[in-house]
Amino acid sequence: MANKLIIQTPDAPAAIGTYSQAVRVDNTVYLSGQIGLDPITMQMAEGTEAQIHRVFRNLRAVATAAGGSMDDVVKINIYLTDLSHFAKVNEIMATYFHKPYPARAAVGVAALPRDAMVEADGVMVLQD
């Protein structure tokens, strides 16, 4: 039977629904979607660039709480309400990840929770 552990940290926004910030099963960690919420105030960061940075800082906080880092992320999914921000996401993402970059999907969506402009989730594999 797989070893399942729920990951929770105050360094990322508390779940605003029926989900965990992350779930670790053996060496794989499934990172729930993060939007641009400040974990202390639970208010949305203002502006696209600030939201993108907050999303990656929130993901990094959960990755750290799970015992890993952004370098352990093998797959990331990015959801944008406006695909014209795709280049900005690439630019900012390069400051949080190092080569070789994780596999990625980026998709346009009609809306996100709390009127967020961007959300990202991912999968992380921890080394033994």
Protein backbone atom coordinates (compact mmCIF):
# COMPACT_ATOMS: atom_id res chain seq x y z
CA MET A 1 0.00 0.00 0.00
CA ALA A 2 1.25 3.48 -0.87
CA ASN A 3 2.36 5.83 1.88
CA LYS A 4 0.11 8.93 1.71
CA LEU A 5 0.94 12.16 3.54
CA ILE A 6 -1.02 15.43 3.48
CA ILE A 7 1.19 18.53 3.15
CA GLN A 8 0.15 21.79 4.75
CA THR A 9 2.12 24.97 5.44
CA PRO A 10 1.18 28.43 6.71
CA ASP A 11 3.69 29.82 4.16
CA ALA A 12 1.14 29.29 1.38
CA PRO A 13 -2.55 30.27 1.37
CA ALA A 14 -4.85 27.99 3.32
CA ALA A 15 -7.06 25.85 1.12
CA ILE A 16 -10.21 27.73 0.15
CA GLY A 17 -12.09 24.57 -0.76
CA THR A 18 -12.22 20.84 -0.24
CA TYR A 19 -8.59 20.05 -1.04
CA SER A 20 -5.13 19.84 0.51
CA GLN A 21 -2.22 22.11 -0.44
CA ALA A 22 -0.39 18.97 -1.55
CA VAL A 23 -0.48 15.21 -1.17
CA ARG A 24 2.67 13.11 -1.06
CA VAL A 25 2.43 9.49 -2.14
CA ASP A 26 5.78 7.75 -1.69
CA ASN A 27 8.25 10.01 -3.57
CA THR A 28 5.64 11.83 -5.67
CA VAL A 29 4.04 15.07 -4.47
CA TYR A 30 0.93 16.43 -6.13
CA LEU A 31 0.87 20.22 -5.69
CA SER A 32 -2.61 21.74 -5.72
CA GLY A 33 -3.33 24.81 -7.79
CA GLN A 34 -2.06 28.08 -6.37
CA ILE A 35 -3.39 31.48 -7.24
CA GLY A 36 -1.93 34.87 -6.35
CA LEU A 37 -3.20 34.98 -2.77
CA ASP A 38 -0.95 36.33 -0.04
CA PRO A 39 -0.80 33.57 2.62
CA ILE A 40 -1.03 36.05 5.50
CA THR A 41 -3.74 38.45 4.35
CA MET A 42 -5.50 36.01 1.98
CA GLN A 43 -5.83 38.97 -0.40
CA MET A 44 -5.05 38.74 -4.11
CA ALA A 45 -1.80 40.32 -5.30
CA GLU A 46 -2.49 43.37 -7.47
CA GLY A 47 -1.57 43.18 -11.13
CA THR A 48 -0.56 40.38 -13.43
CA GLU A 49 3.16 40.36 -12.67
CA ALA A 50 2.59 40.39 -8.90
CA GLN A 51 0.09 37.53 -9.19
CA ILE A 52 2.48 35.42 -11.26
CA HIS A 53 5.28 35.91 -8.71
CA ARG A 54 2.90 35.10 -5.83
CA VAL A 55 1.74 31.91 -7.57
CA PHE A 56 5.32 30.66 -7.88
CA ARG A 57 6.22 31.72 -4.32
CA ASN A 58 3.17 29.82 -3.06
CA LEU A 59 4.13 26.71 -5.04
CA ARG A 60 7.70 26.99 -3.73
CA ALA A 61 6.42 27.19 -0.13
CA VAL A 62 4.37 24.02 -0.56
CA ALA A 63 7.26 22.25 -2.33
CA THR A 64 9.55 23.16 0.57
CA ALA A 65 7.00 21.96 3.13
CA ALA A 66 6.89 18.64 1.29
CA GLY A 67 10.67 18.27 1.61
CA GLY A 68 11.61 19.34 -1.88
CA SER A 69 12.31 22.37 -4.02
CA MET A 70 11.27 23.80 -7.36
CA ASP A 71 14.09 21.76 -8.91
CA ASP A 72 12.11 18.62 -7.99
CA VAL A 73 9.03 19.71 -9.98
CA VAL A 74 8.68 17.48 -13.05
CA LYS A 75 5.37 18.80 -14.43
CA ILE A 76 3.59 22.12 -14.11
CA ASN A 77 0.24 23.25 -15.45
CA ILE A 78 -0.44 26.96 -15.85
CA TYR A 79 -3.90 28.42 -16.33
CA LEU A 80 -4.31 31.97 -17.67
CA THR A 81 -7.45 34.02 -18.10
CA ASP A 82 -5.61 36.05 -20.75
CA LEU A 83 -3.07 34.25 -22.94
CA SER A 84 -1.43 37.58 -23.80
CA HIS A 85 0.35 37.15 -20.42
CA PHE A 86 2.05 33.96 -21.65
CA ALA A 87 5.40 35.70 -22.36
CA LYS A 88 5.40 37.31 -18.89
CA VAL A 89 4.76 33.90 -17.31
CA ASN A 90 7.75 32.49 -19.22
CA GLU A 91 9.96 35.36 -18.12
CA ILE A 92 8.99 35.07 -14.46
CA MET A 93 8.96 31.27 -14.44
CA ALA A 94 12.63 31.29 -15.50
CA THR A 95 13.48 33.00 -12.20
CA TYR A 96 11.91 30.18 -10.12
CA PHE A 97 13.06 27.15 -12.13
CA HIS A 98 16.43 26.05 -13.48
CA LYS A 99 17.32 24.02 -16.55
CA PRO A 100 16.30 21.40 -17.30
CA TYR A 101 12.85 22.88 -16.88
CA PRO A 102 9.85 20.74 -15.93
CA ALA A 103 7.35 19.55 -18.49
CA ARG A 104 4.56 22.12 -18.80
CA ALA A 105 1.13 22.89 -20.17
CA ALA A 106 -0.26 26.41 -20.40
CA VAL A 107 -3.92 26.85 -21.15
CA GLY A 108 -6.36 29.71 -21.46
CA VAL A 109 -9.39 29.52 -19.20
CA ALA A 110 -12.53 31.63 -18.89
CA ALA A 111 -12.20 32.30 -15.17
CA LEU A 112 -10.32 31.32 -12.02
CA PRO A 113 -11.25 31.43 -8.32
CA ARG A 114 -11.22 34.86 -6.65
CA ASP A 115 -10.92 36.48 -10.12
CA ALA A 116 -7.27 35.40 -10.29
CA MET A 117 -5.46 35.97 -13.59
CA VAL A 118 -3.17 32.95 -13.23
CA GLU A 119 -3.09 29.62 -11.43
CA ALA A 120 -0.51 26.84 -11.45
CA ASP A 121 -0.32 23.31 -10.10
CA GLY A 122 2.33 20.68 -10.44
CA VAL A 123 3.85 17.31 -9.73
CA MET A 124 7.11 16.93 -7.87
CA VAL A 125 9.26 13.81 -7.52
CA LEU A 126 11.54 13.70 -4.51
CA GLN A 127 14.90 11.93 -4.54
CA ASP A 128 15.44 9.02 -2.15
